[in-house]
Amino acid sequence: MHFLLRVGILLLVCAGGVGCSGQEDARFVDWNKRAPVALPRQEPAITYAYLPQYTHAVSFERHRRILEYLRQATGLPFRQVFPATFAEHMAMVERGDIDISFTNPFVYVLLHHRAGAQVFARAVEEEGGADFQGQVIVRADNAAITSLEDCRGKTWIAVEPTSAGGYLFPLALFHEHGITLDQFARVEFARGVGGKQEQVVLAVLSGAYDIGSIRKGTLDIVARRYDTSAIRVLAETPPYPGWLFCARKDLSPEVTQQVAQALTALRRPKDESILAPAGLTAIIPASHADYRPIEKLMHTLGMETVP
């Protein structure tokens, strides 16, 4: 150790002698005159976003092939963007930062009334077809909860306040059974960036909350990474109009029409490699009238469509 210490000191002395000889003048560096950092240029493109119900990695993988197909079918440039939350997604549409949204019906209705977004196509999913449902889940070994009525006084974790299957459909289901929000011990929403559906499942699985609400189909997706056999589905909501594709208010009608025609031309089995990763069997034309039941449900829940 003494030998190593002496060698170290000698190296420091030598280094000091080389770096600052005493004959070299100190140089002034003006840090106010720095060259700007050159950021990579982003080419103009039609921006496409999947409402972040899952992690960004899952969202990317589920819709990657749809974007590749749209580029080839329309000849237009597309870029997938990844808002962190439902609120950020809505704000980006309102600012014009998202041209095409794949979103749930509640968020669409809000975007329609607040920002003029317009639905042009509707997803037909492997489970539920053109409609979809929410689920109330509990841990399989929780013998204290065997019916919706048992949920009174329990803790509830949901996906987002504007999540359709992950909160609002189950909320309406509780209302129909005479159970109101103030009858729960606590109602909280998944936190952080993306992955909210997965967070709800894991929170119930860990015992942090008594019940959770998710969209139907989530357990199949989460089961690819986690063992969900310890989760029990307590109840399912009625079906409502499903997820959809909408365009922001000022997007060129010609572009919207090109995208709509390309998406609704997809067919199984010839387009299996494009539709299957997204969990879709087809994409069909849609109009705002298809989503009147959602507006009615929002009215029942006392939700405002405009701030």
C-alpha atoms as a PDB file:
ATOM      1  CA  MET A   1       0.000   0.000   0.000  1.00  0.00           C
ATOM      2  CA  HIS A   2       2.846   2.368   0.857  1.00  0.00           C
ATOM      3  CA  PHE A   3       4.446   1.635  -2.483  1.00  0.00           C
ATOM      4  CA  LEU A   4       1.157   2.271  -4.356  1.00  0.00           C
ATOM      5  CA  LEU A   5       0.605   5.487  -2.397  1.00  0.00           C
ATOM      6  CA  ARG A   6       4.076   6.750  -3.310  1.00  0.00           C
ATOM      7  CA  VAL A   7       3.477   5.898  -6.972  1.00  0.00           C
ATOM      8  CA  GLY A   8       0.134   7.728  -6.893  1.00  0.00           C
ATOM      9  CA  ILE A   9       1.630  10.860  -5.384  1.00  0.00           C
ATOM     10  CA  LEU A  10       4.433  10.782  -7.943  1.00  0.00           C
ATOM     11  CA  LEU A  11       1.916  10.543 -10.805  1.00  0.00           C
ATOM     12  CA  LEU A  12      -0.071  13.473  -9.415  1.00  0.00           C
ATOM     13  CA  VAL A  13       3.080  15.591  -9.150  1.00  0.00           C
ATOM     14  CA  CYS A  14       4.074  14.687 -12.707  1.00  0.00           C
ATOM     15  CA  ALA A  15       0.592  15.397 -13.999  1.00  0.00           C
ATOM     16  CA  GLY A  16       0.590  18.729 -12.245  1.00  0.00           C
ATOM     17  CA  GLY A  17       3.897  19.568 -13.800  1.00  0.00           C
ATOM     18  CA  VAL A  18       2.681  18.781 -17.280  1.00  0.00           C
ATOM     19  CA  GLY A  19      -0.769  20.414 -16.941  1.00  0.00           C
ATOM     20  CA  CYS A  20       0.318  23.681 -15.345  1.00  0.00           C
ATOM     21  CA  SER A  21       3.932  24.511 -15.731  1.00  0.00           C
ATOM     22  CA  GLY A  22       3.773  27.936 -14.116  1.00  0.00           C
ATOM     23  CA  GLN A  23       4.999  29.465 -17.395  1.00  0.00           C
ATOM     24  CA  GLU A  24       1.656  28.960 -19.131  1.00  0.00           C
ATOM     25  CA  ASP A  25      -0.795  31.878 -18.999  1.00  0.00           C
ATOM     26  CA  ALA A  26      -4.276  31.206 -17.669  1.00  0.00           C
ATOM     27  CA  ARG A  27      -6.869  31.338 -20.406  1.00  0.00           C
ATOM     28  CA  PHE A  28     -10.292  32.918 -19.974  1.00  0.00           C
ATOM     29  CA  VAL A  29     -13.211  30.866 -21.221  1.00  0.00           C
ATOM     30  CA  ASP A  30     -16.423  32.785 -21.920  1.00  0.00           C
ATOM     31  CA  TRP A  31     -19.217  30.255 -21.400  1.00  0.00           C
ATOM     32  CA  ASN A  32     -21.740  32.760 -22.744  1.00  0.00           C
ATOM     33  CA  LYS A  33     -20.375  32.127 -26.237  1.00  0.00           C
ATOM     34  CA  ARG A  34     -21.263  28.482 -26.652  1.00  0.00           C
ATOM     35  CA  ALA A  35     -22.199  26.998 -29.994  1.00  0.00           C
ATOM     36  CA  PRO A  36     -25.819  25.782 -30.073  1.00  0.00           C
ATOM     37  CA  VAL A  37     -26.359  22.044 -29.888  1.00  0.00           C
ATOM     38  CA  ALA A  38     -27.558  20.764 -33.247  1.00  0.00           C
ATOM     39  CA  LEU A  39     -30.711  18.711 -32.761  1.00  0.00           C
ATOM     40  CA  PRO A  40     -31.694  16.163 -35.393  1.00  0.00           C
ATOM     41  CA  ARG A  41     -34.198  17.664 -37.812  1.00  0.00           C
ATOM     42  CA  GLN A  42     -37.652  16.133 -37.652  1.00  0.00           C
ATOM     43  CA  GLU A  43     -39.279  15.787 -41.038  1.00  0.00           C
ATOM     44  CA  PRO A  44     -42.920  16.878 -41.348  1.00  0.00           C
ATOM     45  CA  ALA A  45     -45.289  13.950 -40.940  1.00  0.00           C
ATOM     46  CA  ILE A  46     -48.844  13.080 -40.029  1.00  0.00           C
ATOM     47  CA  THR A  47     -48.728  12.369 -36.324  1.00  0.00           C
ATOM     48  CA  TYR A  48     -50.554   9.348 -34.936  1.00  0.00           C
ATOM     49  CA  ALA A  49     -51.117   8.526 -31.276  1.00  0.00           C
ATOM     50  CA  TYR A  50     -52.623   5.638 -29.348  1.00  0.00           C
ATOM     51  CA  LEU A  51     -54.307   6.861 -26.148  1.00  0.00           C
ATOM     52  CA  PRO A  52     -51.765   5.656 -23.534  1.00  0.00           C
ATOM     53  CA  GLN A  53     -53.731   2.933 -21.806  1.00  0.00           C
ATOM     54  CA  TYR A  54     -50.700   0.629 -21.951  1.00  0.00           C
ATOM     55  CA  THR A  55     -46.949   1.247 -21.771  1.00  0.00           C
ATOM     56  CA  HIS A  56     -45.377   3.027 -24.732  1.00  0.00           C
ATOM     57  CA  ALA A  57     -43.624  -0.201 -25.726  1.00  0.00           C
ATOM     58  CA  VAL A  58     -46.964  -2.045 -25.893  1.00  0.00           C
ATOM     59  CA  SER A  59     -48.642   0.836 -27.764  1.00  0.00           C
ATOM     60  CA  PHE A  60     -45.794   0.921 -30.277  1.00  0.00           C
ATOM     61  CA  GLU A  61     -45.826  -2.806 -30.879  1.00  0.00           C
ATOM     62  CA  ARG A  62     -49.619  -3.043 -31.193  1.00  0.00           C
ATOM     63  CA  HIS A  63     -49.869  -0.302 -33.869  1.00  0.00           C
ATOM     64  CA  ARG A  64     -46.437  -0.358 -35.544  1.00  0.00           C
ATOM     65  CA  ARG A  65     -47.662  -2.388 -38.496  1.00  0.00           C
ATOM     66  CA  ILE A  66     -50.745  -0.180 -38.967  1.00  0.00           C
ATOM     67  CA  LEU A  67     -48.470   2.825 -39.439  1.00  0.00           C
ATOM     68  CA  GLU A  68     -46.212   0.919 -41.825  1.00  0.00           C
ATOM     69  CA  TYR A  69     -49.315  -0.051 -43.807  1.00  0.00           C
ATOM     70  CA  LEU A  70     -50.658   3.522 -43.877  1.00  0.00           C
ATOM     71  CA  ARG A  71     -47.344   4.810 -45.255  1.00  0.00           C
ATOM     72  CA  GLN A  72     -47.463   2.284 -48.066  1.00  0.00           C
ATOM     73  CA  ALA A  73     -51.193   2.548 -48.783  1.00  0.00           C
ATOM     74  CA  THR A  74     -51.433   6.360 -48.834  1.00  0.00           C
ATOM     75  CA  GLY A  75     -47.896   7.389 -49.756  1.00  0.00           C
ATOM     76  CA  LEU A  76     -48.033   9.847 -46.853  1.00  0.00           C
ATOM     77  CA  PRO A  77     -45.432  10.151 -44.077  1.00  0.00           C
ATOM     78  CA  PHE A  78     -46.659   9.049 -40.627  1.00  0.00           C
ATOM     79  CA  ARG A  79     -44.976   9.285 -37.236  1.00  0.00           C
ATOM     80  CA  GLN A  80     -46.258   7.671 -34.035  1.00  0.00           C
ATOM     81  CA  VAL A  81     -46.070   9.961 -31.004  1.00  0.00           C
ATOM     82  CA  PHE A  82     -46.441   8.948 -27.367  1.00  0.00           C
ATOM     83  CA  PRO A  83     -48.292  11.227 -24.942  1.00  0.00           C
ATOM     84  CA  ALA A  84     -47.689  10.262 -21.324  1.00  0.00           C
ATOM     85  CA  THR A  85     -51.239  10.565 -20.017  1.00  0.00           C
ATOM     86  CA  PHE A  86     -54.805  10.816 -21.233  1.00  0.00           C
ATOM     87  CA  ALA A  87     -54.786  14.533 -20.348  1.00  0.00           C
ATOM     88  CA  GLU A  88     -51.603  15.112 -22.351  1.00  0.00           C
ATOM     89  CA  HIS A  89     -53.088  13.199 -25.277  1.00  0.00           C
ATOM     90  CA  MET A  90     -56.139  15.479 -25.263  1.00  0.00           C
ATOM     91  CA  ALA A  91     -54.009  18.608 -24.930  1.00  0.00           C
ATOM     92  CA  MET A  92     -51.851  17.535 -27.880  1.00  0.00           C
ATOM     93  CA  VAL A  93     -54.932  17.017 -30.078  1.00  0.00           C
ATOM     94  CA  GLU A  94     -56.257  20.444 -29.087  1.00  0.00           C
ATOM     95  CA  ARG A  95     -52.869  22.028 -29.961  1.00  0.00           C
ATOM     96  CA  GLY A  96     -52.736  20.231 -33.305  1.00  0.00           C
ATOM     97  CA  ASP A  97     -49.771  18.070 -32.273  1.00  0.00           C
ATOM     98  CA  ILE A  98     -51.715  14.847 -32.918  1.00  0.00           C
ATOM     99  CA  ASP A  99     -53.415  14.510 -36.301  1.00  0.00           C
ATOM    100  CA  ILE A 100     -54.909  11.033 -35.969  1.00  0.00           C
ATOM    101  CA  SER A 101     -55.946   9.528 -32.628  1.00  0.00           C
ATOM    102  CA  PHE A 102     -56.813   5.978 -31.706  1.00  0.00           C
ATOM    103  CA  THR A 103     -58.830   6.616 -28.601  1.00  0.00           C
ATOM    104  CA  ASN A 104     -61.603   5.482 -26.318  1.00  0.00           C
ATOM    105  CA  PRO A 105     -65.144   6.830 -26.844  1.00  0.00           C
ATOM    106  CA  PHE A 106     -65.189   9.086 -23.743  1.00  0.00           C
ATOM    107  CA  VAL A 107     -62.012  10.886 -24.707  1.00  0.00           C
ATOM    108  CA  TYR A 108     -63.319  11.180 -28.256  1.00  0.00           C
ATOM    109  CA  VAL A 109     -66.600  12.779 -27.129  1.00  0.00           C
ATOM    110  CA  LEU A 110     -64.645  15.286 -25.035  1.00  0.00           C
ATOM    111  CA  LEU A 111     -62.317  16.029 -27.959  1.00  0.00           C
ATOM    112  CA  HIS A 112     -65.301  16.411 -30.298  1.00  0.00           C
ATOM    113  CA  HIS A 113     -67.040  18.978 -28.116  1.00  0.00           C
ATOM    114  CA  ARG A 114     -63.931  20.819 -26.955  1.00  0.00           C
ATOM    115  CA  ALA A 115     -61.712  20.729 -30.030  1.00  0.00           C
ATOM    116  CA  GLY A 116     -63.837  19.673 -32.996  1.00  0.00           C
ATOM    117  CA  ALA A 117     -62.270  16.214 -33.451  1.00  0.00           C
ATOM    118  CA  GLN A 118     -64.232  13.994 -35.804  1.00  0.00           C
ATOM    119  CA  VAL A 119     -64.507  10.195 -35.767  1.00  0.00           C
ATOM    120  CA  PHE A 120     -64.106   8.475 -39.154  1.00  0.00           C
ATOM    121  CA  ALA A 121     -63.529   4.790 -38.329  1.00  0.00           C
ATOM    122  CA  ARG A 122     -64.278   2.332 -35.556  1.00  0.00           C
ATOM    123  CA  ALA A 123     -62.272  -0.652 -34.352  1.00  0.00           C
ATOM    124  CA  VAL A 124     -63.705  -4.158 -34.442  1.00  0.00           C
ATOM    125  CA  GLU A 125     -61.865  -6.088 -31.754  1.00  0.00           C
ATOM    126  CA  GLU A 126     -61.213  -9.786 -31.312  1.00  0.00           C
ATOM    127  CA  GLU A 127     -63.267  -9.749 -28.140  1.00  0.00           C
ATOM    128  CA  GLY A 128     -66.503  -7.771 -28.231  1.00  0.00           C
ATOM    129  CA  GLY A 129     -66.543  -6.803 -31.889  1.00  0.00           C
ATOM    130  CA  ALA A 130     -67.276  -3.124 -32.498  1.00  0.00           C
ATOM    131  CA  ASP A 131     -68.291  -2.647 -28.840  1.00  0.00           C
ATOM    132  CA  PHE A 132     -66.279  -3.102 -25.680  1.00  0.00           C
ATOM    133  CA  GLN A 133     -66.781  -3.531 -21.947  1.00  0.00           C
ATOM    134  CA  GLY A 134     -65.247  -2.780 -18.592  1.00  0.00           C
ATOM    135  CA  GLN A 135     -64.517  -5.261 -15.824  1.00  0.00           C
ATOM    136  CA  VAL A 136     -64.375  -5.065 -12.041  1.00  0.00           C
ATOM    137  CA  ILE A 137     -61.620  -7.325 -10.724  1.00  0.00           C
ATOM    138  CA  VAL A 138     -60.647  -8.636  -7.290  1.00  0.00           C
ATOM    139  CA  ARG A 139     -58.021 -11.012  -6.035  1.00  0.00           C
ATOM    140  CA  ALA A 140     -59.197 -14.598  -6.419  1.00  0.00           C
ATOM    141  CA  ASP A 141     -58.603 -15.369  -2.739  1.00  0.00           C
ATOM    142  CA  ASN A 142     -60.598 -12.348  -1.486  1.00  0.00           C
ATOM    143  CA  ALA A 143     -63.622 -14.146  -0.012  1.00  0.00           C
ATOM    144  CA  ALA A 144     -64.974 -10.878   1.415  1.00  0.00           C
ATOM    145  CA  ILE A 145     -66.037  -9.661  -2.047  1.00  0.00           C
ATOM    146  CA  THR A 146     -68.352 -11.911  -4.008  1.00  0.00           C
ATOM    147  CA  SER A 147     -70.801  -9.345  -5.439  1.00  0.00           C
ATOM    148  CA  LEU A 148     -70.910  -5.683  -6.445  1.00  0.00           C
ATOM    149  CA  GLU A 149     -72.759  -4.903  -3.214  1.00  0.00           C
ATOM    150  CA  ASP A 150     -69.715  -6.169  -1.275  1.00  0.00           C
ATOM    151  CA  CYS A 151     -67.647  -3.371  -2.833  1.00  0.00           C
ATOM    152  CA  ARG A 152     -69.166  -0.746  -0.507  1.00  0.00           C
ATOM    153  CA  GLY A 153     -66.555   0.501   1.947  1.00  0.00           C
ATOM    154  CA  LYS A 154     -63.676  -1.018  -0.070  1.00  0.00           C
ATOM    155  CA  THR A 155     -60.697   0.613  -1.780  1.00  0.00           C
ATOM    156  CA  TRP A 156     -60.909   0.961  -5.565  1.00  0.00           C
ATOM    157  CA  ILE A 157     -58.123   1.641  -8.066  1.00  0.00           C
ATOM    158  CA  ALA A 158     -59.117   2.680 -11.582  1.00  0.00           C
ATOM    159  CA  VAL A 159     -57.175   3.530 -14.729  1.00  0.00           C
ATOM    160  CA  GLU A 160     -57.877   7.223 -15.397  1.00  0.00           C
ATOM    161  CA  PRO A 161     -60.826   9.581 -14.746  1.00  0.00           C
ATOM    162  CA  THR A 162     -61.477   9.564 -18.527  1.00  0.00           C
ATOM    163  CA  SER A 163     -60.832   5.862 -19.043  1.00  0.00           C
ATOM    164  CA  ALA A 164     -63.961   4.265 -20.549  1.00  0.00           C
ATOM    165  CA  GLY A 165     -63.621   0.571 -19.717  1.00  0.00           C
ATOM    166  CA  GLY A 166     -61.147   1.287 -16.929  1.00  0.00           C
ATOM    167  CA  TYR A 167     -63.363   3.630 -14.921  1.00  0.00           C
ATOM    168  CA  LEU A 168     -66.503   5.229 -16.405  1.00  0.00           C
ATOM    169  CA  PHE A 169     -68.292   2.074 -17.548  1.00  0.00           C
ATOM    170  CA  PRO A 170     -67.714   0.436 -14.116  1.00  0.00           C
ATOM    171  CA  LEU A 171     -68.762   3.690 -12.414  1.00  0.00           C
ATOM    172  CA  ALA A 172     -72.058   3.580 -14.332  1.00  0.00           C
ATOM    173  CA  LEU A 173     -72.432  -0.082 -13.372  1.00  0.00           C
ATOM    174  CA  PHE A 174     -72.058   0.788  -9.678  1.00  0.00           C
ATOM    175  CA  HIS A 175     -74.611   3.604 -10.113  1.00  0.00           C
ATOM    176  CA  GLU A 176     -77.090   1.117 -11.575  1.00  0.00           C
ATOM    177  CA  HIS A 177     -76.653  -0.982  -8.413  1.00  0.00           C
ATOM    178  CA  GLY A 178     -77.200   2.032  -6.180  1.00  0.00           C
ATOM    179  CA  ILE A 179     -73.550   2.357  -5.195  1.00  0.00           C
ATOM    180  CA  THR A 180     -72.134   5.885  -5.320  1.00  0.00           C
ATOM    181  CA  LEU A 181     -68.559   7.131  -5.166  1.00  0.00           C
ATOM    182  CA  ASP A 182     -68.834   8.336  -1.591  1.00  0.00           C
ATOM    183  CA  GLN A 183     -69.630   4.774  -0.474  1.00  0.00           C
ATOM    184  CA  PHE A 184     -66.111   3.566  -1.252  1.00  0.00           C
ATOM    185  CA  ALA A 185     -63.378   3.831   1.376  1.00  0.00           C
ATOM    186  CA  ARG A 186     -61.053   5.326  -1.236  1.00  0.00           C
ATOM    187  CA  VAL A 187     -61.002   5.706  -5.034  1.00  0.00           C
ATOM    188  CA  GLU A 188     -57.634   6.351  -6.678  1.00  0.00           C
ATOM    189  CA  PHE A 189     -56.196   6.261 -10.181  1.00  0.00           C
ATOM    190  CA  ALA A 190     -53.057   4.614 -11.538  1.00  0.00           C
ATOM    191  CA  ARG A 191     -50.096   6.980 -11.538  1.00  0.00           C
ATOM    192  CA  GLY A 192     -47.091   7.563 -13.763  1.00  0.00           C
ATOM    193  CA  VAL A 193     -46.497   7.381 -17.470  1.00  0.00           C
ATOM    194  CA  GLY A 194     -48.508   4.862 -19.503  1.00  0.00           C
ATOM    195  CA  GLY A 195     -49.158   1.296 -18.420  1.00  0.00           C
ATOM    196  CA  LYS A 196     -52.210   2.263 -16.383  1.00  0.00           C
ATOM    197  CA  GLN A 197     -54.200  -0.880 -17.152  1.00  0.00           C
ATOM    198  CA  GLU A 198     -51.272  -3.051 -16.083  1.00  0.00           C
ATOM    199  CA  GLN A 199     -50.819  -0.982 -12.904  1.00  0.00           C
ATOM    200  CA  VAL A 200     -54.415  -1.614 -11.864  1.00  0.00           C
ATOM    201  CA  VAL A 201     -54.049  -5.366 -12.291  1.00  0.00           C
ATOM    202  CA  LEU A 202     -50.768  -5.435 -10.348  1.00  0.00           C
ATOM    203  CA  ALA A 203     -52.153  -3.192  -7.580  1.00  0.00           C
ATOM    204  CA  VAL A 204     -55.046  -5.603  -6.984  1.00  0.00           C
ATOM    205  CA  LEU A 205     -52.760  -8.592  -7.303  1.00  0.00           C
ATOM    206  CA  SER A 206     -50.451  -7.169  -4.618  1.00  0.00           C
ATOM    207  CA  GLY A 207     -53.348  -6.493  -2.238  1.00  0.00           C
ATOM    208  CA  ALA A 208     -52.792  -2.716  -2.245  1.00  0.00           C
ATOM    209  CA  TYR A 209     -56.464  -2.212  -3.255  1.00  0.00           C
ATOM    210  CA  ASP A 210     -59.575  -4.358  -2.766  1.00  0.00           C
ATOM    211  CA  ILE A 211     -60.990  -3.919  -6.259  1.00  0.00           C
ATOM    212  CA  GLY A 212     -59.796  -2.608  -9.624  1.00  0.00           C
ATOM    213  CA  SER A 213     -61.494  -1.622 -12.884  1.00  0.00           C
ATOM    214  CA  ILE A 214     -60.055  -2.363 -16.293  1.00  0.00           C
ATOM    215  CA  ARG A 215     -61.227  -2.722 -19.844  1.00  0.00           C
ATOM    216  CA  LYS A 216     -62.127  -6.239 -20.920  1.00  0.00           C
ATOM    217  CA  GLY A 217     -59.202  -7.857 -22.711  1.00  0.00           C
ATOM    218  CA  THR A 218     -56.556  -6.335 -20.436  1.00  0.00           C
ATOM    219  CA  LEU A 219     -55.987  -9.551 -18.485  1.00  0.00           C
ATOM    220  CA  ASP A 220     -55.057 -11.386 -21.688  1.00  0.00           C
ATOM    221  CA  ILE A 221     -52.478  -8.720 -22.526  1.00  0.00           C
ATOM    222  CA  VAL A 222     -51.055  -8.492 -18.999  1.00  0.00           C
ATOM    223  CA  ALA A 223     -50.879 -12.313 -18.786  1.00  0.00           C
ATOM    224  CA  ARG A 224     -48.108 -12.231 -21.403  1.00  0.00           C
ATOM    225  CA  ARG A 225     -45.814 -10.706 -18.750  1.00  0.00           C
ATOM    226  CA  TYR A 226     -47.384 -11.596 -15.383  1.00  0.00           C
ATOM    227  CA  ASP A 227     -49.252 -14.512 -13.864  1.00  0.00           C
ATOM    228  CA  THR A 228     -52.839 -13.253 -13.619  1.00  0.00           C
ATOM    229  CA  SER A 229     -54.378 -16.541 -12.495  1.00  0.00           C
ATOM    230  CA  ALA A 230     -54.817 -15.046  -9.008  1.00  0.00           C
ATOM    231  CA  ILE A 231     -57.222 -12.409 -10.403  1.00  0.00           C
ATOM    232  CA  ARG A 232     -60.987 -12.980 -10.476  1.00  0.00           C
ATOM    233  CA  VAL A 233     -63.441 -10.994 -12.638  1.00  0.00           C
ATOM    234  CA  LEU A 234     -66.226  -9.893 -10.291  1.00  0.00           C
ATOM    235  CA  ALA A 235     -68.478  -8.222 -12.876  1.00  0.00           C
ATOM    236  CA  GLU A 236     -68.611  -6.921 -16.427  1.00  0.00           C
ATOM    237  CA  THR A 237     -70.307  -3.791 -17.717  1.00  0.00           C
ATOM    238  CA  PRO A 238     -72.754  -3.751 -20.647  1.00  0.00           C
ATOM    239  CA  PRO A 239     -71.122  -3.238 -24.070  1.00  0.00           C
ATOM    240  CA  TYR A 240     -70.695   0.290 -25.439  1.00  0.00           C
ATOM    241  CA  PRO A 241     -69.446   1.634 -28.798  1.00  0.00           C
ATOM    242  CA  GLY A 242     -65.807   0.735 -29.101  1.00  0.00           C
ATOM    243  CA  TRP A 243     -62.479   2.440 -29.672  1.00  0.00           C
ATOM    244  CA  LEU A 244     -62.194   4.616 -32.720  1.00  0.00           C
ATOM    245  CA  PHE A 245     -60.002   6.599 -35.056  1.00  0.00           C
ATOM    246  CA  CYS A 246     -60.593  10.356 -35.169  1.00  0.00           C
ATOM    247  CA  ALA A 247     -58.959  13.309 -36.880  1.00  0.00           C
ATOM    248  CA  ARG A 248     -58.185  16.655 -35.324  1.00  0.00           C
ATOM    249  CA  LYS A 249     -60.385  19.568 -36.399  1.00  0.00           C
ATOM    250  CA  ASP A 250     -58.122  21.180 -38.997  1.00  0.00           C
ATOM    251  CA  LEU A 251     -56.619  18.112 -40.595  1.00  0.00           C
ATOM    252  CA  SER A 252     -57.098  18.177 -44.352  1.00  0.00           C
ATOM    253  CA  PRO A 253     -60.321  16.332 -45.322  1.00  0.00           C
ATOM    254  CA  GLU A 254     -58.417  14.746 -48.207  1.00  0.00           C
ATOM    255  CA  VAL A 255     -55.878  13.266 -45.789  1.00  0.00           C
ATOM    256  CA  THR A 256     -58.631  12.050 -43.465  1.00  0.00           C
ATOM    257  CA  GLN A 257     -60.418  10.402 -46.383  1.00  0.00           C
ATOM    258  CA  GLN A 258     -57.225   8.685 -47.555  1.00  0.00           C
ATOM    259  CA  VAL A 259     -56.564   7.321 -44.075  1.00  0.00           C
ATOM    260  CA  ALA A 260     -60.188   6.216 -43.639  1.00  0.00           C
ATOM    261  CA  GLN A 261     -60.237   4.395 -46.971  1.00  0.00           C
ATOM    262  CA  ALA A 262     -56.944   2.651 -46.248  1.00  0.00           C
ATOM    263  CA  LEU A 263     -57.955   1.525 -42.753  1.00  0.00           C
ATOM    264  CA  THR A 264     -61.423   0.288 -43.703  1.00  0.00           C
ATOM    265  CA  ALA A 265     -59.933  -1.693 -46.594  1.00  0.00           C
ATOM    266  CA  LEU A 266     -58.049  -3.963 -44.185  1.00  0.00           C
ATOM    267  CA  ARG A 267     -59.398  -7.513 -44.168  1.00  0.00           C
ATOM    268  CA  ARG A 268     -58.612 -10.777 -42.518  1.00  0.00           C
ATOM    269  CA  PRO A 269     -57.032 -13.147 -43.377  1.00  0.00           C
ATOM    270  CA  LYS A 270     -55.038 -11.237 -46.010  1.00  0.00           C
ATOM    271  CA  ASP A 271     -54.136  -8.464 -43.526  1.00  0.00           C
ATOM    272  CA  GLU A 272     -53.761 -10.715 -40.488  1.00  0.00           C
ATOM    273  CA  SER A 273     -50.191  -9.526 -39.831  1.00  0.00           C
ATOM    274  CA  ILE A 274     -51.400  -5.906 -39.558  1.00  0.00           C
ATOM    275  CA  LEU A 275     -54.648  -6.345 -37.610  1.00  0.00           C
ATOM    276  CA  ALA A 276     -53.768  -9.161 -35.214  1.00  0.00           C
ATOM    277  CA  PRO A 277     -50.968  -7.347 -33.273  1.00  0.00           C
ATOM    278  CA  ALA A 278     -53.463  -4.529 -32.578  1.00  0.00           C
ATOM    279  CA  GLY A 279     -56.094  -7.006 -31.391  1.00  0.00           C
ATOM    280  CA  LEU A 280     -58.397  -6.061 -34.264  1.00  0.00           C
ATOM    281  CA  THR A 281     -60.377  -8.133 -36.716  1.00  0.00           C
ATOM    282  CA  ALA A 282     -61.500  -5.213 -38.898  1.00  0.00           C
ATOM    283  CA  ILE A 283     -61.943  -1.446 -39.026  1.00  0.00           C
ATOM    284  CA  ILE A 284     -65.321  -0.105 -40.121  1.00  0.00           C
ATOM    285  CA  PRO A 285     -66.587   3.390 -41.090  1.00  0.00           C
ATOM    286  CA  ALA A 286     -68.058   5.428 -38.241  1.00  0.00           C
ATOM    287  CA  SER A 287     -69.735   8.756 -37.591  1.00  0.00           C
ATOM    288  CA  HIS A 288     -70.440  10.846 -34.523  1.00  0.00           C
ATOM    289  CA  ALA A 289     -74.000   9.472 -34.338  1.00  0.00           C
ATOM    290  CA  ASP A 290     -72.550   6.064 -33.357  1.00  0.00           C
ATOM    291  CA  TYR A 291     -71.325   7.628 -30.096  1.00  0.00           C
ATOM    292  CA  ARG A 292     -74.589   9.199 -28.910  1.00  0.00           C
ATOM    293  CA  PRO A 293     -74.927   6.399 -26.271  1.00  0.00           C
ATOM    294  CA  ILE A 294     -71.662   7.603 -24.747  1.00  0.00           C
ATOM    295  CA  GLU A 295     -72.906  11.182 -24.581  1.00  0.00           C
ATOM    296  CA  LYS A 296     -76.062   9.898 -22.875  1.00  0.00           C
ATOM    297  CA  LEU A 297     -73.988   7.917 -20.361  1.00  0.00           C
ATOM    298  CA  MET A 298     -71.852  10.977 -19.617  1.00  0.00           C
ATOM    299  CA  HIS A 299     -75.037  12.952 -18.991  1.00  0.00           C
ATOM    300  CA  THR A 300     -76.227  10.229 -16.585  1.00  0.00           C
ATOM    301  CA  LEU A 301     -72.932  10.446 -14.686  1.00  0.00           C
ATOM    302  CA  GLY A 302     -73.123  14.240 -14.558  1.00  0.00           C
ATOM    303  CA  MET A 303     -70.060  14.692 -16.736  1.00  0.00           C
ATOM    304  CA  GLU A 304     -69.555  17.912 -18.662  1.00  0.00           C
ATOM    305  CA  THR A 305     -68.372  17.609 -22.266  1.00  0.00           C
ATOM    306  CA  VAL A 306     -66.933  21.113 -22.232  1.00  0.00           C
ATOM    307  CA  PRO A 307     -64.947  22.804 -19.399  1.00  0.00           C
END
